[in-house]
């Protein structure tokens, strides 16, 4: 299992508990997936459920796979109607729901794995999508992110770990991508959008740079 036990501990300590839908995810879904009424949607690594109210507002059949069993229990209490469609599982190893999804989304969850685990997760994602359906990934960390140089290399050149402080302290593996790496990871898909965000804060001067990718790809109609 590639899910980091560190994440389960972070959730138990009530950290990394984002509760508002991620604006980039909302924008990309609304822009690229306009007909989602009653569609089957799967979120990989739903965390504290920040995006669930957004998808509920769209009237979709929402499903989620989350590696933290403690978080899944909390989500089932918070959203009792979704009890059977929120599963504790490692989405880089298996998909526990029947295939045929209209949309699969991921906000910075797959990117907390090694290259080989991400490749396997994307293979499973491909198999779970309907022909013509979309995958949307938000905040896949870029090699232009200052944190890329701070962590220790782990298992491959794009994966880092052992952060002593900062946003990735105590969360296990963190994966970073450049354009060529993303194209290789998504070579089986039709690429619709690869968009890099680079944020430099001027005041106060942190001397650091945040950078991540948004990804929209489609499984071709074959």
Protein backbone atom coordinates (compact mmCIF):
# COMPACT_ATOMS: atom_id res chain seq x y z
CA UNK A 1 0.00 0.00 0.00
CA UNK A 2 1.49 3.37 -1.00
CA UNK A 3 -0.79 5.57 1.13
CA UNK A 4 1.31 7.45 3.66
CA UNK A 5 0.51 6.65 7.29
CA UNK A 6 1.77 10.17 8.02
CA UNK A 7 -1.36 11.60 6.40
CA UNK A 8 -3.62 9.59 8.68
CA UNK A 9 -1.70 11.00 11.63
CA UNK A 10 -2.00 14.57 10.31
CA UNK A 11 -5.77 14.14 10.05
CA UNK A 12 -6.00 12.69 13.55
CA UNK A 13 -4.14 15.79 14.75
CA UNK A 14 -6.70 17.97 12.92
CA UNK A 15 -4.19 19.48 10.50
CA UNK A 16 -4.51 19.79 6.69
CA UNK A 17 -8.29 19.94 7.10
CA UNK A 18 -9.35 22.05 4.12
CA UNK A 19 -13.14 22.50 4.18
CA UNK A 20 -13.87 24.85 1.26
CA UNK A 21 -14.02 23.63 -2.37
CA UNK A 22 -10.79 24.34 -4.25
CA UNK A 23 -11.47 27.21 -6.65
CA UNK A 24 -9.32 25.82 -9.48
CA UNK A 25 -11.19 22.52 -9.33
CA UNK A 26 -14.55 24.29 -9.43
CA UNK A 27 -13.48 26.41 -12.41
CA UNK A 28 -12.05 23.51 -14.40
CA UNK A 29 -15.05 21.26 -13.82
CA UNK A 30 -17.48 24.02 -14.81
CA UNK A 31 -15.44 24.88 -17.90
CA UNK A 32 -14.82 21.39 -19.26
CA UNK A 33 -17.67 19.24 -17.92
CA UNK A 34 -20.90 21.10 -18.50
CA UNK A 35 -23.29 18.12 -18.53
CA UNK A 36 -22.88 16.39 -15.17
CA UNK A 37 -26.43 15.99 -13.91
CA UNK A 38 -26.62 12.46 -12.41
CA UNK A 39 -23.13 11.76 -13.74
CA UNK A 40 -20.88 9.34 -11.84
CA UNK A 41 -17.94 11.24 -10.33
CA UNK A 42 -14.98 9.78 -8.42
CA UNK A 43 -12.61 11.85 -6.28
CA UNK A 44 -9.20 10.40 -5.49
CA UNK A 45 -8.01 11.38 -2.03
CA UNK A 46 -10.94 13.50 -0.89
CA UNK A 47 -9.25 14.42 2.42
CA UNK A 48 -11.60 16.29 4.74
CA UNK A 49 -14.28 16.50 2.05
CA UNK A 50 -13.73 20.07 0.85
CA UNK A 51 -15.10 19.34 -2.63
CA UNK A 52 -18.10 17.24 -1.61
CA UNK A 53 -20.59 20.15 -1.21
CA UNK A 54 -19.63 21.43 -4.67
CA UNK A 55 -20.34 18.08 -6.32
CA UNK A 56 -23.54 17.65 -4.33
CA UNK A 57 -24.71 21.01 -5.71
CA UNK A 58 -24.25 19.63 -9.23
CA UNK A 59 -26.51 16.64 -8.56
CA UNK A 60 -23.87 14.05 -9.41
CA UNK A 61 -23.48 10.53 -8.07
CA UNK A 62 -20.42 11.24 -5.94
CA UNK A 63 -17.85 8.60 -4.99
CA UNK A 64 -14.55 9.00 -3.17
CA UNK A 65 -11.53 6.91 -2.28
CA UNK A 66 -9.47 8.11 0.69
CA UNK A 67 -6.50 6.34 2.24
CA UNK A 68 -7.09 7.55 5.78
CA UNK A 69 -9.57 5.26 7.54
CA UNK A 70 -10.03 7.77 10.37
CA UNK A 71 -11.00 10.48 7.88
CA UNK A 72 -13.41 8.16 6.07
CA UNK A 73 -15.22 7.50 9.35
CA UNK A 74 -15.54 11.24 9.95
CA UNK A 75 -16.83 11.86 6.44
CA UNK A 76 -19.45 9.12 6.73
CA UNK A 77 -20.69 10.78 9.91
CA UNK A 78 -20.75 14.20 8.23
CA UNK A 79 -22.34 12.99 4.99
CA UNK A 80 -24.45 9.95 5.99
CA UNK A 81 -26.14 9.75 2.58
CA UNK A 82 -22.73 9.03 1.03
CA UNK A 83 -21.76 6.30 3.46
CA UNK A 84 -21.58 3.57 0.82
CA UNK A 85 -19.79 5.70 -1.77
CA UNK A 86 -16.87 6.91 0.37
CA UNK A 87 -14.34 4.11 0.63
CA UNK A 88 -11.13 3.66 2.61
CA UNK A 89 -8.76 2.42 -0.09
CA UNK A 90 -5.45 3.08 -1.84
CA UNK A 91 -6.28 4.41 -5.31
CA UNK A 92 -2.75 3.63 -6.57
CA UNK A 93 -3.37 -0.09 -5.94
CA UNK A 94 -7.04 -0.71 -6.66
CA UNK A 95 -10.33 0.95 -7.53
CA UNK A 96 -13.12 -0.42 -5.39
CA UNK A 97 -16.09 0.95 -7.36
CA UNK A 98 -17.48 -0.35 -10.65
CA UNK A 99 -15.95 1.35 -13.70
CA UNK A 100 -17.85 3.71 -15.95
CA UNK A 101 -17.16 7.13 -14.41
CA UNK A 102 -17.96 10.33 -16.30
CA UNK A 103 -15.34 12.31 -14.39
CA UNK A 104 -12.46 11.51 -12.02
CA UNK A 105 -10.83 14.33 -10.07
CA UNK A 106 -7.79 14.68 -7.87
CA UNK A 107 -6.62 17.68 -5.90
CA UNK A 108 -2.97 17.11 -4.83
CA UNK A 109 -3.47 13.49 -3.76
CA UNK A 110 -1.85 11.36 -6.46
CA UNK A 111 1.08 13.75 -6.29
CA UNK A 112 1.95 12.48 -2.80
CA UNK A 113 3.28 9.23 -4.28
CA UNK A 114 6.27 7.95 -6.21
CA UNK A 115 6.38 7.95 -10.01
CA UNK A 116 5.61 4.23 -10.22
CA UNK A 117 2.62 4.55 -7.86
CA UNK A 118 1.27 7.51 -9.86
CA UNK A 119 1.64 5.54 -13.08
CA UNK A 120 -0.34 2.68 -11.61
CA UNK A 121 -2.97 5.06 -10.25
CA UNK A 122 -3.39 6.62 -13.69
CA UNK A 123 -3.68 3.18 -15.29
CA UNK A 124 -6.51 2.37 -12.88
CA UNK A 125 -8.06 5.77 -13.59
CA UNK A 126 -8.00 5.05 -17.32
CA UNK A 127 -9.75 1.73 -16.74
CA UNK A 128 -12.40 3.35 -14.52
CA UNK A 129 -13.32 6.14 -16.97
CA UNK A 130 -15.93 5.87 -19.70
CA UNK A 131 -14.69 6.55 -23.24
CA UNK A 132 -14.82 10.30 -23.74
CA UNK A 133 -14.74 11.00 -19.99
CA UNK A 134 -12.38 13.42 -18.24
CA UNK A 135 -9.71 13.37 -15.56
CA UNK A 136 -8.99 16.68 -13.84
CA UNK A 137 -5.97 17.10 -11.58
CA UNK A 138 -5.37 20.24 -9.53
CA UNK A 139 -2.15 21.35 -7.82
CA UNK A 140 0.24 18.72 -9.06
CA UNK A 141 3.42 20.23 -7.63
CA UNK A 142 5.91 21.63 -10.13
CA UNK A 143 9.69 21.28 -10.12
CA UNK A 144 9.64 25.11 -10.12
CA UNK A 145 8.28 24.97 -6.55
CA UNK A 146 11.01 26.00 -4.09
CA UNK A 147 10.24 22.93 -1.97
CA UNK A 148 11.52 20.65 -4.74
CA UNK A 149 15.11 21.52 -3.83
CA UNK A 150 14.59 21.20 -0.07
CA UNK A 151 13.52 17.57 0.27
CA UNK A 152 15.65 14.42 0.02
CA UNK A 153 15.37 12.41 -3.21
CA UNK A 154 13.35 9.23 -2.61
CA UNK A 155 13.00 6.26 -5.01
CA UNK A 156 13.10 8.43 -8.17
CA UNK A 157 14.27 11.87 -9.29
CA UNK A 158 10.80 13.48 -9.06
CA UNK A 159 9.93 12.25 -5.56
CA UNK A 160 11.09 13.96 -2.35
CA UNK A 161 10.69 13.26 1.37
CA UNK A 162 12.08 14.07 4.86
CA UNK A 163 11.08 17.73 5.00
CA UNK A 164 12.18 19.16 8.37
CA UNK A 165 9.63 21.99 8.25
CA UNK A 166 7.29 23.84 5.92
CA UNK A 167 4.13 22.63 4.16
CA UNK A 168 5.44 19.09 3.57
CA UNK A 169 6.81 18.35 7.03
CA UNK A 170 5.51 15.03 8.28
CA UNK A 171 3.50 14.04 5.19
CA UNK A 172 5.80 11.42 3.65
CA UNK A 173 6.45 11.45 -0.08
CA UNK A 174 5.90 14.49 -2.31
CA UNK A 175 6.05 14.29 -6.10
CA UNK A 176 7.03 17.13 -8.44
CA UNK A 177 6.61 17.34 -12.22
CA UNK A 178 7.96 19.28 -15.15
CA UNK A 179 6.19 19.50 -18.52
CA UNK A 180 8.02 16.55 -20.08
CA UNK A 181 7.26 14.34 -17.08
CA UNK A 182 3.55 15.22 -17.19
CA UNK A 183 3.38 14.46 -20.91
CA UNK A 184 4.93 11.06 -20.24
CA UNK A 185 2.55 10.31 -17.35
CA UNK A 186 -0.52 11.21 -19.43
CA UNK A 187 0.70 9.87 -22.77
CA UNK A 188 -2.26 7.49 -23.05
CA UNK A 189 -4.79 10.32 -22.67
CA UNK A 190 -5.86 13.14 -24.95
CA UNK A 191 -4.33 16.20 -23.27
CA UNK A 192 -6.73 19.16 -23.08
CA UNK A 193 -4.89 21.43 -20.63
CA UNK A 194 -1.52 21.54 -18.87
CA UNK A 195 -1.41 24.80 -16.96
CA UNK A 196 1.41 25.83 -14.62
CA UNK A 197 0.76 28.29 -11.78
CA UNK A 198 3.77 30.15 -10.39
CA UNK A 199 3.22 32.38 -7.36
CA UNK A 200 5.92 34.67 -5.95
CA UNK A 201 5.00 36.56 -2.82
CA UNK A 202 6.47 40.07 -2.70
CA UNK A 203 5.16 41.27 0.68
CA UNK A 204 6.17 39.92 3.06
CA UNK A 205 9.26 38.64 1.24
CA UNK A 206 9.40 34.89 1.87
CA UNK A 207 12.16 34.22 -0.70
CA UNK A 208 10.17 31.20 -1.83
CA UNK A 209 8.07 30.33 -4.85
CA UNK A 210 4.96 28.17 -5.10
CA UNK A 211 4.40 26.37 -8.40
CA UNK A 212 1.94 23.67 -9.43
CA UNK A 213 0.19 22.24 -12.47
CA UNK A 214 -3.47 21.90 -13.33
CA UNK A 215 -4.24 19.00 -15.65
CA UNK A 216 -7.26 18.25 -17.83
CA UNK A 217 -7.14 15.10 -19.95
CA UNK A 218 -9.70 12.92 -21.67
CA UNK A 219 -9.99 9.22 -22.40
CA UNK A 220 -10.55 9.11 -26.17
CA UNK A 221 -13.73 7.74 -27.70
CA UNK A 222 -12.43 4.50 -29.17
